[in-house]
Amino acid sequence: MKRIFALCLVLALLAGCAPAPSAPSSGAPASSQTVQEPPAPTFAVGVLDTVQWSGYGTGSNGGDAYYELAVLAENAAGPDGLTRRVSMLLRTDYATLTQAPLCSVPGCGHSDAACPAYIEGNNVAVAAIGGNVYLMGSVYGTWFVQNAASSAAAAYIDVVDASGARRKRVMEFPQGWEVYSDSFTYTDGGALYGSYYDHSENVSGGVRVDLATGEYTVFETGGDSILGVSGSSFLMRHYEYPLDDGVYPGVAVGEAEQVRGQQMDEWLVQYDLAAGTRMRLGSPQMDWYGEYDGYGYLGGMYVRDGKLYQMFIQDDDGDASLKTLLERDIFNGTQRALASFRPSASVPWLDFGLHDILPACCGEQEPYLWAGAFSISGAGCVPAYLIDVRDGQLREVLLRAEEPYTGGETAALPLARTNGGLWLVPVAAMEDPWGGMRRSYALTAPETVFAGSGELQYIRMWTPPDAMG
């Protein structure tokens, strides 16, 4: 929750520091018309794909293994007043059904920084990319503002080779840059693509990091928000406000921004990084509630495979409002209503769970979006569902797992998908050495998750020696 809150703060800063938008055009351009574009990038771009970064309590899927950070200790405050977290980089091998530190150094005790899997620092995320595992130490929000003058405030990217033989520094971002892993969620296999905000220069934009050399290149985005990718292109949201930022006759000061927002003109843009061109694709109805650029989420929207998904409220009946999931083809403009849902007194969570359309953790290889459970109620397990984008069917997750903190039941939502098509699911609660909680895992077929029973292949989980706790 802290990470999401900090992310929202950063995006608010980015919106406030973006270049002033140009004047609205006199007429709506055709879907194939080129719009005003920033300077073309000066680098080659391959086919872009989404990167699954993880944080504490989540992992990143490499197809043959699942990578995550397990907290070993929350240390006392250092000289700068900040706490230091110590974690272990773990690899869950799908073939051997075992979990172990990502380290192959002979005789290593995994107890200090000489171990590739021994990770010190806060705000560290993990991603499996191209056979290697990358670590990103982020700085953002209040923590960054308070420590901008400290050398410890530089964000960085490290790489651990797949064998766990060594870890090395790929690059460090310039001092004064505020970056975080959630904004670097696209790759073409040889580079990472994301966004940054430079406090020292009060500017923001896009940035490409070469994973082999560590060199970075800044490119302009025109202030647009990234929703997803297609080929070598970003799919982005572009918006323009009226020129008049001032007084609206008869409108109270506190309502002026709302009126201005209603006059906002907005559309989707395809930004081809390889060609340096930006094409207008259409003007969907935008429901503005905030954004998570890296996850392709924008006010109840999600983009995958050239399709945009959004839940619309069809009527206004409070908690029982009818919601319809729409699928729009971004490139040809066609759309269809996949399904409609109306919460009832027995499932009031549906009013919240179906507002934000997010990818299921099993990845984009599976045709599901997540409409999950948010809490454990006194009445038992809150239902969790996956939406099948092929036919709009709402499929309940009936497989259960132990909830780490309450000991009750929770839906066993999939964490990852193996190259062979099995799902990694949580099973039981485990206690971390410092008193936190994590969960044990098993592999199973997708139908077992929906049926609630079936064969489970249990993972032999790693636990640290007593000396490490």
Protein backbone atom coordinates (compact mmCIF):
# COMPACT_ATOMS: atom_id res chain seq x y z
CA MET A 1 0.00 0.00 0.00
CA LYS A 2 2.85 2.41 0.79
CA ARG A 3 4.37 1.65 -2.59
CA ILE A 4 1.11 2.39 -4.42
CA PHE A 5 0.60 5.61 -2.45
CA ALA A 6 4.13 6.76 -3.26
CA LEU A 7 3.59 5.90 -6.91
CA CYS A 8 0.47 8.05 -7.04
CA LEU A 9 2.39 10.96 -5.49
CA VAL A 10 5.11 10.69 -8.11
CA LEU A 11 2.63 10.55 -10.99
CA ALA A 12 0.91 13.62 -9.62
CA LEU A 13 4.26 15.41 -9.66
CA LEU A 14 4.91 14.24 -13.19
CA ALA A 15 1.56 15.57 -14.33
CA GLY A 16 2.27 18.93 -12.74
CA CYS A 17 5.75 19.16 -14.25
CA ALA A 18 4.92 17.99 -17.76
CA PRO A 19 5.37 20.46 -20.63
CA ALA A 20 2.39 22.72 -21.27
CA PRO A 21 0.00 21.13 -23.81
CA SER A 22 -0.45 22.70 -27.21
CA ALA A 23 -3.69 24.34 -28.28
CA PRO A 24 -6.53 21.98 -29.24
CA SER A 25 -6.88 21.35 -32.96
CA SER A 26 -9.77 22.90 -34.82
CA GLY A 27 -11.06 19.54 -35.97
CA ALA A 28 -10.66 15.87 -35.03
CA PRO A 29 -7.96 14.29 -37.17
CA ALA A 30 -8.56 11.00 -38.88
CA SER A 31 -7.40 7.85 -37.12
CA SER A 32 -4.37 7.59 -39.42
CA GLN A 33 -3.32 11.23 -39.20
CA THR A 34 0.12 11.99 -37.79
CA VAL A 35 -0.04 14.26 -34.75
CA GLN A 36 2.62 16.71 -33.60
CA GLU A 37 5.56 14.63 -32.46
CA PRO A 38 8.60 15.15 -30.26
CA PRO A 39 12.08 14.59 -31.72
CA ALA A 40 12.63 11.02 -32.93
CA PRO A 41 14.69 8.77 -30.64
CA THR A 42 18.23 8.01 -31.74
CA PHE A 43 18.32 4.30 -30.90
CA ALA A 44 17.08 1.04 -32.40
CA VAL A 45 13.98 -0.53 -30.83
CA GLY A 46 12.97 -4.19 -31.00
CA VAL A 47 9.60 -5.76 -30.27
CA LEU A 48 8.44 -4.47 -26.89
CA ASP A 49 7.02 -6.65 -24.15
CA THR A 50 5.81 -6.07 -20.60
CA VAL A 51 8.21 -6.60 -17.68
CA GLN A 52 6.84 -8.13 -14.50
CA TRP A 53 8.66 -6.35 -11.67
CA SER A 54 8.04 -7.57 -8.17
CA GLY A 55 8.31 -6.13 -4.72
CA TYR A 56 8.19 -7.64 -1.26
CA GLY A 57 5.45 -10.24 -1.07
CA THR A 58 5.27 -10.70 -4.87
CA GLY A 59 7.50 -12.29 -7.48
CA SER A 60 8.56 -12.20 -11.12
CA ASN A 61 7.99 -15.10 -13.50
CA GLY A 62 10.73 -16.31 -15.83
CA GLY A 63 8.72 -19.16 -17.35
CA ASP A 64 10.99 -21.83 -15.87
CA ALA A 65 11.26 -20.28 -12.40
CA TYR A 66 9.73 -17.70 -10.08
CA TYR A 67 11.94 -15.05 -8.43
CA GLU A 68 11.18 -13.09 -5.27
CA LEU A 69 12.71 -11.36 -2.26
CA ALA A 70 12.21 -12.88 1.19
CA VAL A 71 12.86 -10.48 4.07
CA LEU A 72 15.51 -11.71 6.52
CA ALA A 73 15.77 -8.71 8.82
CA GLU A 74 14.56 -5.17 9.42
CA ASN A 75 17.67 -3.50 10.81
CA ALA A 76 17.86 -0.57 13.20
CA ALA A 77 18.08 2.96 11.87
CA GLY A 78 21.41 3.99 10.41
CA PRO A 79 23.23 7.34 10.71
CA ASP A 80 20.83 8.93 8.22
CA GLY A 81 17.81 7.83 10.24
CA LEU A 82 16.69 5.28 7.64
CA THR A 83 16.18 1.59 8.33
CA ARG A 84 18.04 -1.01 6.29
CA ARG A 85 16.20 -4.09 5.09
CA VAL A 86 18.08 -7.33 4.35
CA SER A 87 16.48 -9.82 1.94
CA MET A 88 17.31 -13.04 0.14
CA LEU A 89 16.76 -13.39 -3.61
CA LEU A 90 14.99 -16.74 -4.01
CA ARG A 91 14.43 -18.89 -7.10
CA THR A 92 11.52 -21.34 -7.22
CA ASP A 93 12.43 -23.93 -9.85
CA TYR A 94 9.37 -25.38 -11.58
CA ALA A 95 11.20 -28.49 -12.85
CA THR A 96 12.69 -29.58 -9.53
CA LEU A 97 9.88 -28.19 -7.33
CA THR A 98 12.43 -26.54 -5.03
CA GLN A 99 13.07 -23.05 -3.76
CA ALA A 100 16.61 -21.83 -2.95
CA PRO A 101 18.73 -18.64 -2.94
CA LEU A 102 19.87 -17.62 -6.43
CA CYS A 103 23.52 -18.33 -5.61
CA SER A 104 25.99 -20.89 -6.92
CA VAL A 105 29.12 -19.56 -5.21
CA PRO A 106 30.95 -22.56 -3.69
CA GLY A 107 30.73 -22.65 0.11
CA CYS A 108 28.63 -19.47 0.31
CA GLY A 109 26.73 -19.06 3.56
CA HIS A 110 24.37 -16.44 2.07
CA SER A 111 25.11 -14.20 5.03
CA ASP A 112 26.73 -11.07 3.59
CA ALA A 113 27.01 -8.91 0.48
CA ALA A 114 29.54 -11.31 -1.10
CA CYS A 115 26.56 -13.56 -1.86
CA PRO A 116 24.76 -12.66 -5.13
CA ALA A 117 21.41 -13.39 -3.47
CA TYR A 118 22.02 -11.32 -0.31
CA ILE A 119 20.24 -8.00 -0.91
CA GLU A 120 20.56 -4.92 1.30
CA GLY A 121 18.34 -1.90 0.88
CA ASN A 122 14.77 -0.69 0.83
CA ASN A 123 12.50 -0.31 -2.21
CA VAL A 124 14.16 -3.08 -4.22
CA ALA A 125 12.26 -4.93 -6.96
CA VAL A 126 13.07 -8.03 -9.04
CA ALA A 127 12.42 -8.85 -12.72
CA ALA A 128 13.32 -11.85 -14.88
CA ILE A 129 14.41 -10.60 -18.34
CA GLY A 130 16.13 -12.56 -21.09
CA GLY A 131 17.49 -15.34 -18.88
CA ASN A 132 18.91 -12.99 -16.23
CA VAL A 133 17.44 -11.51 -13.07
CA TYR A 134 17.53 -7.75 -12.56
CA LEU A 135 17.26 -5.80 -9.32
CA MET A 136 16.16 -2.18 -9.25
CA GLY A 137 16.64 0.02 -6.22
CA SER A 138 14.13 2.84 -6.46
CA VAL A 139 13.81 6.28 -4.91
CA TYR A 140 10.59 8.23 -4.91
CA GLY A 141 8.13 10.35 -2.97
CA THR A 142 8.76 11.79 0.48
CA TRP A 143 11.81 9.57 1.05
CA PHE A 144 13.47 11.03 -2.04
CA VAL A 145 12.69 14.65 -1.21
CA GLN A 146 14.09 14.26 2.30
CA ASN A 147 17.29 12.54 1.12
CA ALA A 148 17.97 14.08 -2.30
CA ALA A 149 21.33 15.42 -1.11
CA SER A 150 22.49 11.98 0.04
CA SER A 151 24.58 9.73 -2.21
CA ALA A 152 22.33 6.88 -1.05
CA ALA A 153 19.45 8.48 -2.98
CA ALA A 154 20.73 7.30 -6.39
CA ALA A 155 18.53 4.64 -7.96
CA TYR A 156 20.32 1.71 -9.60
CA ILE A 157 19.94 -1.49 -11.63
CA ASP A 158 21.89 -4.68 -10.81
CA VAL A 159 21.95 -7.99 -12.68
CA VAL A 160 22.32 -11.54 -11.34
CA ASP A 161 23.06 -14.16 -13.98
CA ALA A 162 20.64 -17.09 -14.15
CA SER A 163 23.16 -19.47 -12.55
CA GLY A 164 23.56 -17.24 -9.50
CA ALA A 165 27.34 -17.06 -9.94
CA ARG A 166 27.64 -13.29 -9.61
CA ARG A 167 25.84 -9.99 -9.22
CA LYS A 168 27.07 -6.77 -10.79
CA ARG A 169 25.96 -3.17 -11.13
CA VAL A 170 24.48 -2.35 -14.56
CA MET A 171 24.08 1.38 -13.96
CA GLU A 172 23.17 4.14 -11.54
CA PHE A 173 20.72 6.85 -12.46
CA PRO A 174 21.85 10.48 -12.22
CA GLN A 175 21.66 12.19 -8.86
CA GLY A 176 18.36 14.03 -8.59
CA TRP A 177 16.37 11.55 -10.67
CA GLU A 178 13.25 10.08 -9.12
CA VAL A 179 12.57 6.65 -10.64
CA TYR A 180 10.91 3.44 -9.56
CA SER A 181 10.51 -0.04 -11.01
CA ASP A 182 6.81 0.36 -11.76
CA SER A 183 7.65 2.97 -14.39
CA PHE A 184 10.18 0.68 -16.16
CA THR A 185 7.87 -2.12 -17.24
CA TYR A 186 8.74 -2.50 -20.93
CA THR A 187 11.65 -4.23 -22.63
CA ASP A 188 12.74 -5.41 -26.06
CA GLY A 189 15.11 -7.93 -24.49
CA GLY A 190 18.18 -5.71 -24.78
CA ALA A 191 16.96 -2.57 -23.03
CA LEU A 192 14.50 -1.30 -20.45
CA TYR A 193 12.11 1.54 -21.27
CA GLY A 194 10.51 3.77 -18.68
CA SER A 195 10.08 7.30 -17.36
CA TYR A 196 11.83 9.58 -14.89
CA TYR A 197 11.43 12.88 -13.08
CA ASP A 198 14.52 15.05 -12.58
CA HIS A 199 14.16 17.13 -9.42
CA SER A 200 17.26 19.17 -10.15
CA GLU A 201 15.99 20.32 -13.56
CA ASN A 202 12.25 20.01 -12.88
CA VAL A 203 11.70 17.97 -16.05
CA SER A 204 10.34 14.52 -16.88
CA GLY A 205 10.37 12.22 -19.87
CA GLY A 206 11.13 8.77 -21.21
CA VAL A 207 14.41 6.92 -20.78
CA ARG A 208 15.97 3.84 -22.36
CA VAL A 209 18.56 1.78 -20.42
CA ASP A 210 20.83 -0.56 -22.38
CA LEU A 211 21.05 -3.69 -20.23
CA ALA A 212 24.41 -4.74 -21.69
CA THR A 213 26.31 -1.48 -21.33
CA GLY A 214 24.29 0.43 -18.71
CA GLU A 215 24.13 3.47 -21.00
CA TYR A 216 20.89 5.42 -20.86
CA THR A 217 19.20 7.65 -23.43
CA VAL A 218 16.48 10.19 -22.67
CA PHE A 219 13.61 10.69 -25.11
CA GLU A 220 10.55 12.92 -25.07
CA THR A 221 7.05 11.55 -24.57
CA GLY A 222 5.12 14.76 -25.05
CA GLY A 223 3.73 14.39 -21.53
CA ASP A 224 1.54 11.43 -22.59
CA SER A 225 0.79 8.46 -20.35
CA ILE A 226 1.82 4.95 -21.44
CA LEU A 227 -1.03 2.41 -21.43
CA GLY A 228 0.67 -0.50 -23.15
CA VAL A 229 2.83 -1.59 -26.07
CA SER A 230 2.39 -3.03 -29.57
CA GLY A 231 5.36 -4.04 -31.71
CA SER A 232 7.96 -1.30 -31.27
CA SER A 233 5.32 1.25 -30.26
CA PHE A 234 3.94 2.69 -27.06
CA LEU A 235 0.14 2.98 -26.84
CA MET A 236 -0.43 6.23 -24.99
CA ARG A 237 -3.12 8.56 -23.68
CA HIS A 238 -2.88 12.11 -24.97
CA TYR A 239 -4.95 14.96 -23.56
CA GLU A 240 -5.28 18.68 -24.08
CA TYR A 241 -7.01 21.19 -21.84
CA PRO A 242 -8.68 24.42 -22.98
CA LEU A 243 -6.34 27.39 -23.19
CA ASP A 244 -8.26 29.22 -20.47
CA ASP A 245 -7.03 28.09 -17.07
CA GLY A 246 -8.81 30.91 -15.29
CA VAL A 247 -12.31 31.93 -14.28
CA TYR A 248 -15.52 30.31 -15.52
CA PRO A 249 -18.58 32.62 -15.20
CA GLY A 250 -21.00 31.40 -12.55
CA VAL A 251 -18.68 28.61 -11.40
CA ALA A 252 -17.34 28.47 -7.87
CA VAL A 253 -13.57 28.47 -7.49
CA GLY A 254 -13.55 24.97 -6.06
CA GLU A 255 -15.48 23.62 -9.06
CA ALA A 256 -13.41 25.30 -11.77
CA GLU A 257 -11.01 22.38 -12.17
CA GLN A 258 -13.90 19.95 -12.57
CA VAL A 259 -15.45 22.09 -15.29
CA ARG A 260 -12.08 22.40 -17.01
CA GLY A 261 -11.66 18.63 -16.89
CA GLN A 262 -15.05 18.16 -18.57
CA GLN A 263 -13.80 20.28 -21.47
CA MET A 264 -10.64 18.21 -21.84
CA ASP A 265 -9.98 16.74 -25.28
CA GLU A 266 -8.23 13.36 -25.24
CA TRP A 267 -7.37 10.45 -27.49
CA LEU A 268 -5.13 7.43 -27.89
CA VAL A 269 -1.79 7.73 -29.63
CA GLN A 270 0.53 5.11 -31.13
CA TYR A 271 4.10 6.32 -30.57
CA ASP A 272 6.43 4.26 -32.78
CA LEU A 273 9.82 4.58 -31.09
CA ALA A 274 11.67 3.00 -34.02
CA ALA A 275 10.23 5.42 -36.59
CA GLY A 276 9.80 8.40 -34.25
CA THR A 277 6.18 8.93 -35.35
CA ARG A 278 3.00 9.45 -33.36
CA MET A 279 -0.37 8.47 -34.83
CA ARG A 280 -3.79 9.31 -33.44
CA LEU A 281 -5.91 6.16 -32.96
CA GLY A 282 -9.24 7.40 -31.63
CA SER A 283 -11.00 9.06 -28.71
CA PRO A 284 -12.34 6.54 -26.19
CA GLN A 285 -14.44 7.65 -23.25
CA MET A 286 -11.84 8.17 -20.54
CA ASP A 287 -12.80 7.62 -16.92
CA TRP A 288 -10.12 9.55 -15.04
CA TYR A 289 -9.36 8.26 -11.55
CA GLY A 290 -5.56 8.08 -11.63
CA GLU A 291 -3.02 5.92 -13.39
CA TYR A 292 -0.41 3.20 -13.04
CA ASP A 293 1.57 3.67 -16.25
CA GLY A 294 3.75 0.60 -15.88
CA TYR A 295 0.83 -1.80 -15.42
CA GLY A 296 -1.19 -0.46 -18.36
CA TYR A 297 -3.91 0.68 -15.97
CA LEU A 298 -5.68 4.01 -16.36
CA GLY A 299 -8.87 4.78 -14.45
CA GLY A 300 -10.35 1.29 -14.80
CA MET A 301 -8.57 0.61 -18.11
CA TYR A 302 -6.20 -2.15 -19.13
CA VAL A 303 -4.43 -2.67 -22.47
CA ARG A 304 -3.21 -6.01 -23.85
CA ASP A 305 -2.81 -7.49 -27.34
CA GLY A 306 -4.01 -4.30 -29.02
CA LYS A 307 -7.25 -4.33 -27.04
CA LEU A 308 -8.39 -1.81 -24.42
CA TYR A 309 -10.62 -3.04 -21.59
CA GLN A 310 -12.68 -0.75 -19.40
CA MET A 311 -15.57 -1.16 -17.00
CA PHE A 312 -18.39 1.36 -17.49
CA ILE A 313 -21.18 2.19 -15.05
CA GLN A 314 -24.43 1.76 -16.98
CA ASP A 315 -26.76 3.28 -14.38
CA ASP A 316 -26.39 5.07 -11.07
CA ASP A 317 -27.87 2.88 -8.39
CA GLY A 318 -25.27 3.26 -5.67
CA ASP A 319 -23.70 -0.02 -4.62
CA ALA A 320 -25.96 -1.91 -7.05
CA SER A 321 -24.90 0.00 -10.17
CA LEU A 322 -24.76 -2.11 -13.32
CA LYS A 323 -21.24 -2.36 -14.77
CA THR A 324 -20.37 -3.44 -18.30
CA LEU A 325 -16.92 -4.61 -19.39
CA LEU A 326 -16.14 -3.21 -22.85
CA GLU A 327 -13.40 -4.44 -25.17
CA ARG A 328 -12.18 -1.99 -27.83
CA ASP A 329 -9.83 -2.81 -30.66
CA ILE A 330 -7.38 0.10 -30.51
CA PHE A 331 -6.40 -0.09 -34.16
CA ASN A 332 -9.73 -0.50 -35.98
CA GLY A 333 -11.99 1.22 -33.44
CA THR A 334 -14.50 -1.63 -33.08
CA GLN A 335 -15.77 -2.57 -29.65
CA ARG A 336 -18.01 -5.11 -27.96
CA ALA A 337 -19.62 -5.56 -24.57
CA LEU A 338 -18.07 -8.65 -23.04
CA ALA A 339 -20.29 -8.94 -19.97
CA SER A 340 -22.38 -7.01 -17.45
CA PHE A 341 -22.39 -7.36 -13.68
CA ARG A 342 -24.62 -5.96 -10.95
CA PRO A 343 -23.50 -6.30 -7.32
CA SER A 344 -26.04 -7.66 -4.87
CA ALA A 345 -26.42 -7.63 -1.12
CA SER A 346 -24.68 -11.01 -0.96
CA VAL A 347 -21.62 -9.88 -2.96
CA PRO A 348 -21.25 -6.11 -2.32
CA TRP A 349 -17.49 -6.34 -3.00
CA LEU A 350 -18.35 -6.60 -6.69
CA ASP A 351 -18.97 -2.85 -6.73
CA PHE A 352 -15.27 -2.34 -6.02
CA GLY A 353 -13.66 -5.46 -7.41
CA LEU A 354 -14.94 -4.95 -10.93
CA HIS A 355 -14.11 -1.25 -11.21
CA ASP A 356 -10.37 -1.69 -11.70
CA ILE A 357 -9.49 -4.04 -14.53
CA LEU A 358 -6.03 -5.51 -13.98
CA PRO A 359 -4.04 -8.37 -15.52
CA ALA A 360 -4.26 -11.71 -13.78
CA CYS A 361 -0.96 -12.69 -12.18
CA CYS A 362 -0.75 -15.77 -14.41
CA GLY A 363 0.39 -13.45 -17.20
CA GLU A 364 -0.75 -12.40 -20.65
CA GLN A 365 -0.34 -15.92 -22.03
CA GLU A 366 -3.66 -16.68 -20.34
CA PRO A 367 -6.96 -15.06 -21.42
CA TYR A 368 -7.89 -13.74 -18.00
CA LEU A 369 -8.23 -10.42 -16.26
CA TRP A 370 -8.38 -10.15 -12.49
CA ALA A 371 -11.45 -9.05 -10.57
CA GLY A 372 -10.17 -10.15 -7.21
CA ALA A 373 -10.96 -10.24 -3.54
CA PHE A 374 -9.71 -7.39 -1.39
CA SER A 375 -10.11 -8.59 2.19
CA ILE A 376 -11.06 -11.40 4.51
CA SER A 377 -14.47 -10.92 6.10
CA GLY A 378 -15.88 -12.41 9.26
CA ALA A 379 -18.29 -14.42 7.13
CA GLY A 380 -15.48 -16.32 5.45
CA CYS A 381 -13.49 -16.08 2.25
CA VAL A 382 -14.34 -13.14 0.02
CA PRO A 383 -15.02 -14.45 -3.52
CA ALA A 384 -12.39 -13.85 -6.17
CA TYR A 385 -12.93 -14.10 -9.91
CA LEU A 386 -11.01 -14.10 -13.17
CA ILE A 387 -12.69 -12.65 -16.26
CA ASP A 388 -12.21 -14.65 -19.45
CA VAL A 389 -11.67 -12.06 -22.20
CA ARG A 390 -12.68 -14.55 -24.88
CA ASP A 391 -16.32 -14.65 -23.82
CA GLY A 392 -16.65 -12.38 -20.78
CA GLN A 393 -17.33 -15.29 -18.44
CA LEU A 394 -16.73 -14.56 -14.76
CA ARG A 395 -14.94 -17.63 -13.37
CA GLU A 396 -14.71 -17.97 -9.60
CA VAL A 397 -11.43 -19.10 -8.03
CA LEU A 398 -12.56 -21.93 -5.74
CA LEU A 399 -9.12 -23.20 -4.70
CA ARG A 400 -8.30 -21.97 -1.21
CA ALA A 401 -5.06 -20.96 0.53
CA GLU A 402 -4.24 -20.01 4.11
CA GLU A 403 -4.30 -16.27 4.71
CA PRO A 404 -0.92 -15.32 6.26
CA TYR A 405 -2.02 -12.93 8.99
CA THR A 406 -5.48 -14.09 10.06
CA GLY A 407 -5.10 -17.83 9.56
CA GLY A 408 -8.37 -17.85 7.64
CA GLU A 409 -8.99 -18.81 4.04
CA THR A 410 -8.36 -16.72 0.96
CA ALA A 411 -8.77 -17.43 -2.72
CA ALA A 412 -5.63 -19.00 -4.23
CA LEU A 413 -5.18 -16.53 -7.06
CA PRO A 414 -2.43 -17.68 -9.45
CA LEU A 415 1.00 -16.09 -9.06
CA ALA A 416 2.66 -17.22 -12.29
CA ARG A 417 2.35 -19.49 -15.32
CA THR A 418 5.01 -22.06 -16.22
CA ASN A 419 6.19 -22.60 -19.78
CA GLY A 420 4.26 -25.87 -19.64
CA GLY A 421 0.95 -24.18 -18.79
CA LEU A 422 0.68 -24.96 -15.06
CA TRP A 423 -0.10 -22.26 -12.53
CA LEU A 424 1.92 -21.44 -9.41
CA VAL A 425 -0.50 -20.92 -6.52
CA PRO A 426 -0.17 -20.08 -2.80
CA VAL A 427 -0.95 -22.85 -0.33
CA ALA A 428 -0.09 -22.15 3.33
CA ALA A 429 1.28 -19.36 5.51
CA MET A 430 4.95 -19.24 6.54
CA GLU A 431 6.64 -16.94 9.05
CA ASP A 432 9.68 -14.88 8.03
CA PRO A 433 12.65 -14.69 10.44
CA TRP A 434 11.90 -11.08 11.34
CA GLY A 435 8.26 -11.82 12.13
CA GLY A 436 6.64 -11.13 8.77
CA MET A 437 4.66 -13.64 6.76
CA ARG A 438 4.93 -15.31 3.37
CA ARG A 439 3.27 -18.32 1.76
CA SER A 440 4.29 -21.76 0.50
CA TYR A 441 3.54 -22.72 -3.11
CA ALA A 442 2.36 -25.51 -5.36
CA LEU A 443 1.98 -26.08 -9.09
CA THR A 444 -1.39 -27.12 -10.47
CA ALA A 445 -3.52 -27.09 -13.59
CA PRO A 446 -5.71 -24.01 -14.22
CA GLU A 447 -8.88 -26.11 -13.96
CA THR A 448 -7.91 -27.13 -10.41
CA VAL A 449 -7.90 -23.44 -9.46
CA PHE A 450 -11.45 -23.04 -10.75
CA ALA A 451 -12.76 -26.42 -9.51
CA GLY A 452 -11.33 -26.03 -6.00
CA SER A 453 -9.72 -29.47 -5.91
CA GLY A 454 -7.26 -31.54 -7.91
CA GLU A 455 -3.61 -32.54 -7.99
CA LEU A 456 -1.12 -30.16 -6.36
CA GLN A 457 2.65 -30.46 -6.84
CA TYR A 458 4.05 -28.91 -3.66
CA ILE A 459 7.20 -26.78 -3.73
CA ARG A 460 9.92 -27.56 -1.20
CA MET A 461 10.31 -24.11 0.31
CA TRP A 462 13.58 -22.58 1.51
CA THR A 463 13.93 -21.52 5.14
CA PRO A 464 17.00 -19.66 6.41
CA PRO A 465 19.36 -21.19 8.98
CA ASP A 466 18.78 -20.00 12.54
CA ALA A 467 21.99 -17.94 12.39
CA MET A 468 20.51 -15.82 9.61
CA GLY A 469 17.38 -14.97 11.54
